[in-house]
Amino acid sequence: MSHQPLGLYIHVPFCTVKCSYCDFNSYAGIDDMQAGWEQAALKELSLWAPRLSGREVSTIFIGGGTPSLLPGESIERLLNSIRSAMRLAPDAEITLEANPESVHPDRLAAYRDAGVNRISMGVQSLDSSELVFLDRIHSAGRAEEAFAEIRAAGFDNVNLDLIYGLPGQSLATWQSTLNQVLCWSGDGPDHISCYALTVEEGTPLAARVASGRVIEADPDHVAEIADWTADRLAAAGFEQYETSNYTRRGLKCRHNLIYWRNQEYAAIGPGAHGFIDGVRFHVVRSPKAYIDRLRDATASLEGEQGLPSPAIAGAERVGELENIVDTLTSGLRLMEGVDETSLPPAYQELRPVLDWAVKNALAQRQAGRLRLTKRGHEIANEIFVRLLAPTTP
């Protein structure tokens, strides 16, 4: 029996509005599929259960999309199904993503009763013009009210997602947003994820940038915002434990740590990605196709690479060197870095790149661990690109 943490990701594809910068597999206007999605998800969980026998699920992340659109009874049925069919750790971290406009006290109480113990709310900004730019439909006031409702429902592990580096955003505007959330309900959230805006290919925002209607923020200005953010959150008692993530009281996101440490996680729901038994896989993206594939599924209908779900649309066994690259490119985002002594011998093929990073003060070695320096975190992609082409250190 493996003693490594095992995560479980559940993807909820429903949204009220599809934001222009978002490249997640989410859809507005398909609420009539919720019942079909739930039945398909329950079926997919049942198909995965035998494969995960003997493994303890230590984290569950219900992401999207907007999971807070789901009624409490739906979340209860999903979590009860997991408890009955799998080994769920007594102290499992169970996260549900929410948006301010769909947070509701009754649903929050039901989520809490069902076993959800962590809420991650997408706030992004408190500036009205920035919210319009991002296609967010909540106001600053509604975001603060929603946070208060989450606290009142008894959640003592709450993350807020914020985005900086928007076109035309001033440092003062960003400072206002961050300073405000730090005072919500007295002492603010327990965890904050601060992401620099990325223009993802295929999104409406990318089309607006390509046409010249939107000019991306200057990288030096974005770096200035990132530096101020790290200093401000440190002064507020937050620990930066990953490039974009900060926490107090040691409440790191245990599920995301599984990703960053390149550990294993099962995944269900349309468009979900997983990594299990050395195989990376993805589920069919279309919610309708997902429902159709699972409607008549049985244990004898396997997906690719012998995985237990016929909704899996693609799967690939990860080679040793590729897995080491994955370990490095995700693990070096963490302030703890990577334990070089635990890497297999094939690591030597990549060592020249990391020696180059150390020589150029982008990384440092100490007690067998390799960590990026402050400068290394700022230009981490330069290191990661070289890891993908190790013949050019």
Protein backbone atom coordinates (compact mmCIF):
# COMPACT_ATOMS: atom_id res chain seq x y z
CA MET A 1 0.00 0.00 0.00
CA SER A 2 1.36 3.40 -1.00
CA HIS A 3 1.79 5.95 1.78
CA GLN A 4 2.16 8.87 -0.64
CA PRO A 5 -0.63 11.46 -0.50
CA LEU A 6 -3.34 10.83 -3.08
CA GLY A 7 -5.49 13.68 -4.29
CA LEU A 8 -8.87 13.60 -5.99
CA TYR A 9 -9.98 16.39 -8.31
CA ILE A 10 -13.65 16.84 -9.30
CA HIS A 11 -14.36 19.26 -12.15
CA VAL A 12 -17.61 21.23 -12.20
CA PRO A 13 -18.06 22.88 -15.64
CA PHE A 14 -20.89 25.33 -14.83
CA CYS A 15 -20.50 29.12 -14.76
CA THR A 16 -22.89 32.04 -14.73
CA VAL A 17 -20.66 34.05 -17.11
CA LYS A 18 -17.58 32.90 -19.01
CA CYS A 19 -14.77 35.36 -18.24
CA SER A 20 -12.73 36.57 -21.19
CA TYR A 21 -9.33 35.66 -19.66
CA CYS A 22 -10.36 32.16 -18.54
CA ASP A 23 -9.14 29.06 -20.38
CA PHE A 24 -10.58 26.55 -17.89
CA ASN A 25 -13.16 24.09 -19.19
CA SER A 26 -16.26 25.99 -18.11
CA TYR A 27 -19.51 26.99 -19.76
CA ALA A 28 -22.35 29.44 -19.16
CA GLY A 29 -25.95 28.57 -20.00
CA ILE A 30 -25.80 24.80 -19.47
CA ASP A 31 -27.43 24.64 -16.04
CA ASP A 32 -29.93 22.09 -17.39
CA MET A 33 -27.05 19.58 -17.48
CA GLN A 34 -26.41 19.70 -13.72
CA ALA A 35 -28.42 16.57 -12.90
CA GLY A 36 -26.82 14.63 -15.76
CA TRP A 37 -23.37 15.81 -14.74
CA GLU A 38 -23.93 14.68 -11.15
CA GLN A 39 -25.09 11.20 -12.20
CA ALA A 40 -22.09 10.88 -14.53
CA ALA A 41 -19.70 12.04 -11.79
CA LEU A 42 -21.15 9.53 -9.32
CA LYS A 43 -20.77 6.77 -11.92
CA GLU A 44 -17.18 7.79 -12.66
CA LEU A 45 -16.34 7.76 -8.93
CA SER A 46 -17.72 4.23 -8.66
CA LEU A 47 -15.56 3.11 -11.59
CA TRP A 48 -12.44 4.60 -10.02
CA ALA A 49 -13.05 3.10 -6.57
CA PRO A 50 -11.61 -0.41 -7.25
CA ARG A 51 -8.52 1.10 -8.89
CA LEU A 52 -7.86 3.24 -5.80
CA SER A 53 -8.46 0.38 -3.36
CA GLY A 54 -5.77 0.41 -0.68
CA ARG A 55 -4.93 4.06 -1.30
CA GLU A 56 -6.00 6.75 1.16
CA VAL A 57 -7.44 9.90 -0.38
CA SER A 58 -5.87 12.78 1.54
CA THR A 59 -7.31 15.74 -0.38
CA ILE A 60 -10.38 16.47 -2.50
CA PHE A 61 -10.60 19.58 -4.65
CA ILE A 62 -13.96 20.49 -6.19
CA GLY A 63 -13.03 23.02 -8.85
CA GLY A 64 -14.42 24.58 -11.96
CA GLY A 65 -16.16 26.40 -13.28
CA THR A 66 -18.17 27.53 -10.28
CA PRO A 67 -18.90 24.68 -7.84
CA SER A 68 -20.77 27.08 -5.53
CA LEU A 69 -23.61 27.01 -8.10
CA LEU A 70 -24.34 23.43 -7.03
CA PRO A 71 -26.95 22.73 -4.35
CA GLY A 72 -25.68 21.40 -1.06
CA GLU A 73 -27.43 18.06 -1.64
CA SER A 74 -25.32 17.48 -4.77
CA ILE A 75 -22.06 18.02 -2.89
CA GLU A 76 -23.32 15.81 -0.07
CA ARG A 77 -24.08 12.95 -2.47
CA LEU A 78 -20.65 13.24 -4.09
CA LEU A 79 -18.76 13.23 -0.79
CA ASN A 80 -20.87 10.43 0.67
CA SER A 81 -20.15 8.36 -2.43
CA ILE A 82 -16.41 8.90 -1.92
CA ARG A 83 -16.64 7.94 1.75
CA SER A 84 -18.55 4.76 0.99
CA ALA A 85 -16.40 3.60 -1.93
CA MET A 86 -12.90 4.86 -1.07
CA ARG A 87 -10.63 5.33 1.94
CA LEU A 88 -10.88 9.01 2.85
CA ALA A 89 -8.31 10.25 5.38
CA PRO A 90 -9.90 11.37 8.67
CA ASP A 91 -8.15 14.74 8.32
CA ALA A 92 -8.69 15.08 4.57
CA GLU A 93 -8.59 18.60 3.16
CA ILE A 94 -11.79 19.10 1.15
CA THR A 95 -11.82 22.32 -0.90
CA LEU A 96 -14.71 23.82 -2.83
CA GLU A 97 -14.26 26.76 -5.21
CA ALA A 98 -16.77 29.60 -5.06
CA ASN A 99 -17.54 32.96 -6.63
CA PRO A 100 -19.01 35.84 -4.62
CA GLU A 101 -22.25 36.07 -6.59
CA SER A 102 -23.16 32.40 -6.01
CA VAL A 103 -22.20 32.17 -2.33
CA HIS A 104 -25.34 31.62 -0.25
CA PRO A 105 -25.62 30.98 3.51
CA ASP A 106 -27.89 27.94 3.10
CA ARG A 107 -25.59 26.31 0.56
CA LEU A 108 -22.53 27.11 2.67
CA ALA A 109 -24.12 25.42 5.68
CA ALA A 110 -24.91 22.37 3.56
CA TYR A 111 -21.36 22.22 2.17
CA ARG A 112 -19.99 22.41 5.70
CA ASP A 113 -22.32 19.66 6.91
CA ALA A 114 -21.29 17.51 3.93
CA GLY A 115 -17.64 17.73 4.98
CA VAL A 116 -16.20 20.62 2.96
CA ASN A 117 -13.61 22.28 5.22
CA ARG A 118 -11.89 24.74 2.89
CA ILE A 119 -13.37 27.41 0.58
CA SER A 120 -11.43 29.04 -2.24
CA MET A 121 -13.20 32.16 -3.52
CA GLY A 122 -12.38 33.92 -6.77
CA VAL A 123 -12.36 37.64 -6.01
CA GLN A 124 -9.68 38.76 -8.52
CA SER A 125 -10.12 42.51 -7.86
CA LEU A 126 -12.10 45.05 -5.86
CA ASP A 127 -11.79 47.81 -8.45
CA SER A 128 -15.01 48.30 -10.39
CA SER A 129 -13.33 49.02 -13.75
CA GLU A 130 -11.04 46.00 -13.38
CA LEU A 131 -14.00 43.77 -12.53
CA VAL A 132 -15.71 44.92 -15.75
CA PHE A 133 -12.53 44.24 -17.74
CA LEU A 134 -12.33 40.73 -16.27
CA ASP A 135 -16.07 40.06 -16.90
CA ARG A 136 -16.63 39.50 -13.20
CA ILE A 137 -20.24 40.07 -12.19
CA HIS A 138 -19.76 40.72 -8.47
CA SER A 139 -19.06 44.06 -6.83
CA ALA A 140 -16.43 44.79 -4.19
CA GLY A 141 -19.19 45.04 -1.62
CA ARG A 142 -20.67 41.67 -2.58
CA ALA A 143 -17.24 40.03 -2.36
CA GLU A 144 -16.78 41.28 1.19
CA GLU A 145 -20.30 40.16 2.15
CA ALA A 146 -19.65 36.71 0.70
CA PHE A 147 -16.45 36.38 2.72
CA ALA A 148 -18.35 37.31 5.89
CA GLU A 149 -20.98 34.67 5.05
CA ILE A 150 -18.27 32.04 4.58
CA ARG A 151 -16.82 32.89 7.99
CA ALA A 152 -20.29 32.86 9.57
CA ALA A 153 -20.85 29.37 8.17
CA GLY A 154 -17.89 28.16 10.22
CA PHE A 155 -15.12 27.93 7.64
CA ASP A 156 -11.74 28.66 9.22
CA ASN A 157 -9.64 27.81 6.15
CA VAL A 158 -10.45 30.28 3.38
CA ASN A 159 -8.44 31.23 0.31
CA LEU A 160 -8.95 34.27 -1.91
CA ASP A 161 -7.78 34.35 -5.54
CA LEU A 162 -6.56 37.74 -6.75
CA ILE A 163 -5.15 38.83 -10.13
CA TYR A 164 -2.59 41.58 -10.71
CA GLY A 165 -0.77 42.84 -13.79
CA LEU A 166 -3.92 43.88 -15.63
CA PRO A 167 -3.55 46.27 -18.57
CA GLY A 168 -3.47 49.81 -17.20
CA GLN A 169 -3.51 48.68 -13.58
CA SER A 170 -1.63 51.01 -11.24
CA LEU A 171 0.31 49.88 -8.20
CA ALA A 172 -2.04 52.00 -6.07
CA THR A 173 -5.13 50.19 -7.38
CA TRP A 174 -3.60 46.79 -6.60
CA GLN A 175 -2.51 48.00 -3.17
CA SER A 176 -6.07 49.07 -2.44
CA THR A 177 -7.47 45.64 -3.33
CA LEU A 178 -4.94 43.72 -1.26
CA ASN A 179 -5.12 46.05 1.74
CA GLN A 180 -8.90 45.80 1.80
CA VAL A 181 -9.09 41.99 1.77
CA LEU A 182 -6.52 41.81 4.56
CA CYS A 183 -9.04 43.59 6.82
CA TRP A 184 -12.16 41.62 5.90
CA SER A 185 -14.02 40.25 8.93
CA GLY A 186 -11.27 41.60 11.13
CA ASP A 187 -8.14 39.79 10.07
CA GLY A 188 -8.81 38.68 6.49
CA PRO A 189 -8.32 35.30 4.82
CA ASP A 190 -6.08 32.40 5.83
CA HIS A 191 -4.56 31.93 2.38
CA ILE A 192 -4.14 34.23 -0.62
CA SER A 193 -3.28 33.26 -4.19
CA CYS A 194 -1.92 36.23 -6.16
CA TYR A 195 -1.60 35.47 -9.85
CA ALA A 196 -0.13 37.68 -12.55
CA LEU A 197 -2.59 37.89 -15.45
CA THR A 198 -1.64 35.46 -18.21
CA VAL A 199 -3.05 35.90 -21.69
CA GLU A 200 -4.04 32.34 -22.57
CA GLU A 201 -4.18 31.29 -26.21
CA GLY A 202 -7.69 30.84 -27.56
CA THR A 203 -9.42 33.14 -25.07
CA PRO A 204 -11.35 36.30 -26.02
CA LEU A 205 -8.71 38.30 -24.15
CA ALA A 206 -5.99 36.84 -26.37
CA ALA A 207 -7.93 37.95 -29.44
CA ARG A 208 -8.23 41.47 -28.03
CA VAL A 209 -4.49 41.58 -27.37
CA ALA A 210 -3.70 40.25 -30.86
CA SER A 211 -5.90 42.92 -32.46
CA GLY A 212 -4.21 45.69 -30.48
CA ARG A 213 -7.38 46.63 -28.60
CA VAL A 214 -5.69 45.63 -25.33
CA ILE A 215 -2.06 46.31 -24.48
CA GLU A 216 -0.47 43.92 -22.01
CA ALA A 217 1.08 45.32 -18.85
CA ASP A 218 4.79 46.14 -18.86
CA PRO A 219 6.76 43.21 -17.34
CA ASP A 220 8.84 45.53 -15.17
CA HIS A 221 5.68 47.06 -13.72
CA VAL A 222 4.27 43.58 -13.06
CA ALA A 223 7.51 42.65 -11.28
CA GLU A 224 7.23 45.79 -9.15
CA ILE A 225 3.71 44.76 -8.11
CA ALA A 226 4.91 41.23 -7.28
CA ASP A 227 7.73 42.57 -5.09
CA TRP A 228 5.40 44.90 -3.18
CA THR A 229 2.92 42.05 -2.73
CA ALA A 230 5.50 39.73 -1.18
CA ASP A 231 6.66 42.45 1.22
CA ARG A 232 3.11 43.48 2.17
CA LEU A 233 1.94 39.95 2.86
CA ALA A 234 5.08 39.14 4.85
CA ALA A 235 4.38 42.19 7.01
CA ALA A 236 0.83 40.87 7.52
CA GLY A 237 2.13 37.54 8.80
CA PHE A 238 1.81 35.49 5.62
CA GLU A 239 4.40 32.95 4.50
CA GLN A 240 5.11 32.74 0.79
CA TYR A 241 5.48 29.02 0.12
CA GLU A 242 5.03 29.01 -3.67
CA THR A 243 5.58 31.58 -6.41
CA SER A 244 1.98 32.85 -6.23
CA ASN A 245 0.70 31.47 -2.92
CA TYR A 246 0.78 32.77 0.65
CA THR A 247 -0.58 31.38 3.90
CA ARG A 248 -0.92 32.01 7.62
CA ARG A 249 -1.00 29.49 10.46
CA GLY A 250 0.57 26.86 8.24
CA LEU A 251 -2.60 26.43 6.17
CA LYS A 252 -0.92 25.61 2.88
CA CYS A 253 -3.15 24.14 0.20
CA ARG A 254 -2.39 20.45 0.64
CA HIS A 255 -4.09 19.52 -2.64
CA ASN A 256 -1.99 21.94 -4.68
CA LEU A 257 1.13 20.69 -2.91
CA ILE A 258 0.38 17.29 -4.45
CA TYR A 259 0.55 18.95 -7.89
CA TRP A 260 3.70 20.91 -7.14
CA ARG A 261 5.48 17.88 -5.66
CA ASN A 262 4.53 15.83 -8.73
CA GLN A 263 2.58 13.30 -6.67
CA GLU A 264 -0.47 11.37 -7.77
CA TYR A 265 -4.10 12.41 -8.09
CA ALA A 266 -7.18 10.91 -9.69
CA ALA A 267 -9.50 13.24 -11.57
CA ILE A 268 -13.11 13.11 -12.71
CA GLY A 269 -15.41 15.48 -14.55
CA PRO A 270 -15.29 16.97 -18.07
CA GLY A 271 -11.87 18.30 -18.96
CA ALA A 272 -10.23 17.13 -15.72
CA HIS A 273 -6.55 16.11 -15.78
CA GLY A 274 -5.02 13.43 -13.55
CA PHE A 275 -1.78 11.56 -12.85
CA ILE A 276 -1.95 8.03 -11.51
CA ASP A 277 0.42 5.02 -11.64
CA GLY A 278 2.82 6.91 -13.87
CA VAL A 279 0.12 7.85 -16.40
CA ARG A 280 -1.08 11.38 -17.15
CA PHE A 281 -4.61 11.53 -18.54
CA HIS A 282 -7.43 13.89 -19.40
CA VAL A 283 -11.18 13.46 -19.47
CA VAL A 284 -13.27 14.42 -22.50
CA ARG A 285 -13.96 18.17 -22.41
CA SER A 286 -17.56 18.33 -23.65
CA PRO A 287 -20.03 18.07 -20.75
CA LYS A 288 -22.56 16.38 -23.07
CA ALA A 289 -20.01 13.85 -24.31
CA TYR A 290 -18.94 13.24 -20.71
CA ILE A 291 -22.51 12.49 -19.65
CA ASP A 292 -23.12 10.29 -22.71
CA ARG A 293 -19.95 8.23 -22.21
CA LEU A 294 -20.81 7.45 -18.60
CA ARG A 295 -24.56 6.92 -18.93
CA ASP A 296 -24.22 3.22 -19.77
CA ALA A 297 -20.69 2.67 -18.50
CA THR A 298 -19.73 -0.53 -16.68
CA ALA A 299 -16.53 -1.69 -15.01
CA SER A 300 -15.66 -3.61 -18.19
CA LEU A 301 -15.55 -0.43 -20.30
CA GLU A 302 -12.10 0.98 -19.68
CA GLY A 303 -10.54 4.16 -20.94
CA GLU A 304 -7.07 4.57 -22.44
CA GLN A 305 -4.00 2.96 -20.83
CA GLY A 306 -6.33 0.61 -18.93
CA LEU A 307 -7.71 3.44 -16.79
CA PRO A 308 -11.15 2.71 -15.35
CA SER A 309 -13.28 5.45 -16.93
CA PRO A 310 -14.57 5.40 -20.52
CA ALA A 311 -14.77 9.21 -20.29
CA ILE A 312 -10.97 9.43 -20.46
CA ALA A 313 -10.11 10.92 -23.85
CA GLY A 314 -6.32 10.64 -23.74
CA ALA A 315 -3.60 9.10 -21.62
CA GLU A 316 0.17 8.78 -21.82
CA ARG A 317 2.70 6.93 -19.71
CA VAL A 318 5.34 9.39 -18.53
CA GLY A 319 8.95 8.46 -19.22
CA GLU A 320 11.61 8.70 -16.52
CA LEU A 321 13.34 11.82 -17.84
CA GLU A 322 10.03 13.57 -18.55
CA ASN A 323 8.89 12.81 -15.02
CA ILE A 324 12.08 14.34 -13.60
CA VAL A 325 11.47 17.49 -15.68
CA ASP A 326 7.92 17.62 -14.32
CA THR A 327 9.26 17.25 -10.77
CA LEU A 328 11.70 20.10 -11.30
CA THR A 329 9.44 22.54 -13.16
CA SER A 330 6.66 22.19 -10.59
CA GLY A 331 8.76 21.66 -7.46
CA LEU A 332 11.02 24.64 -8.06
CA ARG A 333 7.97 26.90 -7.81
CA LEU A 334 7.93 25.98 -4.12
CA MET A 335 10.11 27.85 -1.64
CA GLU A 336 11.13 24.46 -0.23
CA GLY A 337 12.57 23.56 -3.63
CA VAL A 338 13.43 20.03 -4.72
CA ASP A 339 15.38 17.27 -2.97
CA GLU A 340 18.08 16.50 -5.55
CA THR A 341 19.25 13.43 -3.63
CA SER A 342 15.90 11.71 -4.24
CA LEU A 343 16.04 12.04 -8.03
CA PRO A 344 16.93 8.96 -10.14
CA PRO A 345 20.23 8.71 -12.06
CA ALA A 346 18.72 10.08 -15.29
CA TYR A 347 18.69 13.43 -13.48
CA GLN A 348 22.35 13.81 -14.49
CA GLU A 349 21.21 14.65 -18.02
CA LEU A 350 19.54 17.78 -16.62
CA ARG A 351 22.15 18.72 -14.08
CA PRO A 352 24.09 21.08 -16.42
CA VAL A 353 21.02 23.32 -16.68
CA LEU A 354 20.72 23.54 -12.90
CA ASP A 355 24.47 24.06 -12.49
CA TRP A 356 24.04 26.98 -14.89
CA ALA A 357 21.19 28.33 -12.73
CA VAL A 358 23.33 28.09 -9.60
CA LYS A 359 26.30 29.72 -11.31
CA ASN A 360 24.10 32.63 -12.39
CA ALA A 361 22.59 33.08 -8.89
CA LEU A 362 19.17 31.90 -10.06
CA ALA A 363 19.26 28.88 -7.74
CA GLN A 364 21.15 27.69 -4.70
CA ARG A 365 22.01 24.32 -3.19
CA GLN A 366 21.86 23.60 0.51
CA ALA A 367 21.72 20.29 2.39
CA GLY A 368 20.79 18.36 -0.74
CA ARG A 369 17.96 20.69 -1.76
CA LEU A 370 17.85 22.94 -4.77
CA ARG A 371 15.88 26.17 -4.43
CA LEU A 372 15.36 29.13 -6.70
CA THR A 373 16.59 32.50 -5.49
CA LYS A 374 14.37 35.57 -5.58
CA ARG A 375 15.75 36.41 -9.02
CA GLY A 376 15.24 32.80 -10.09
CA HIS A 377 11.56 32.93 -9.19
CA GLU A 378 11.19 36.14 -11.21
CA ILE A 379 12.52 34.51 -14.39
CA ALA A 380 11.72 30.88 -13.61
CA ASN A 381 10.41 30.26 -17.13
CA GLU A 382 13.91 30.80 -18.53
CA ILE A 383 15.13 27.92 -16.37
CA PHE A 384 12.15 25.73 -17.23
CA VAL A 385 12.60 26.27 -20.98
CA ARG A 386 16.21 25.12 -20.67
CA LEU A 387 15.10 22.03 -18.74
CA LEU A 388 12.88 21.13 -21.68
CA ALA A 389 15.90 21.46 -24.01
CA PRO A 390 18.79 20.35 -21.76
CA THR A 391 21.38 20.33 -24.56
CA THR A 392 21.52 24.14 -24.35
CA PRO A 393 22.31 25.04 -20.72
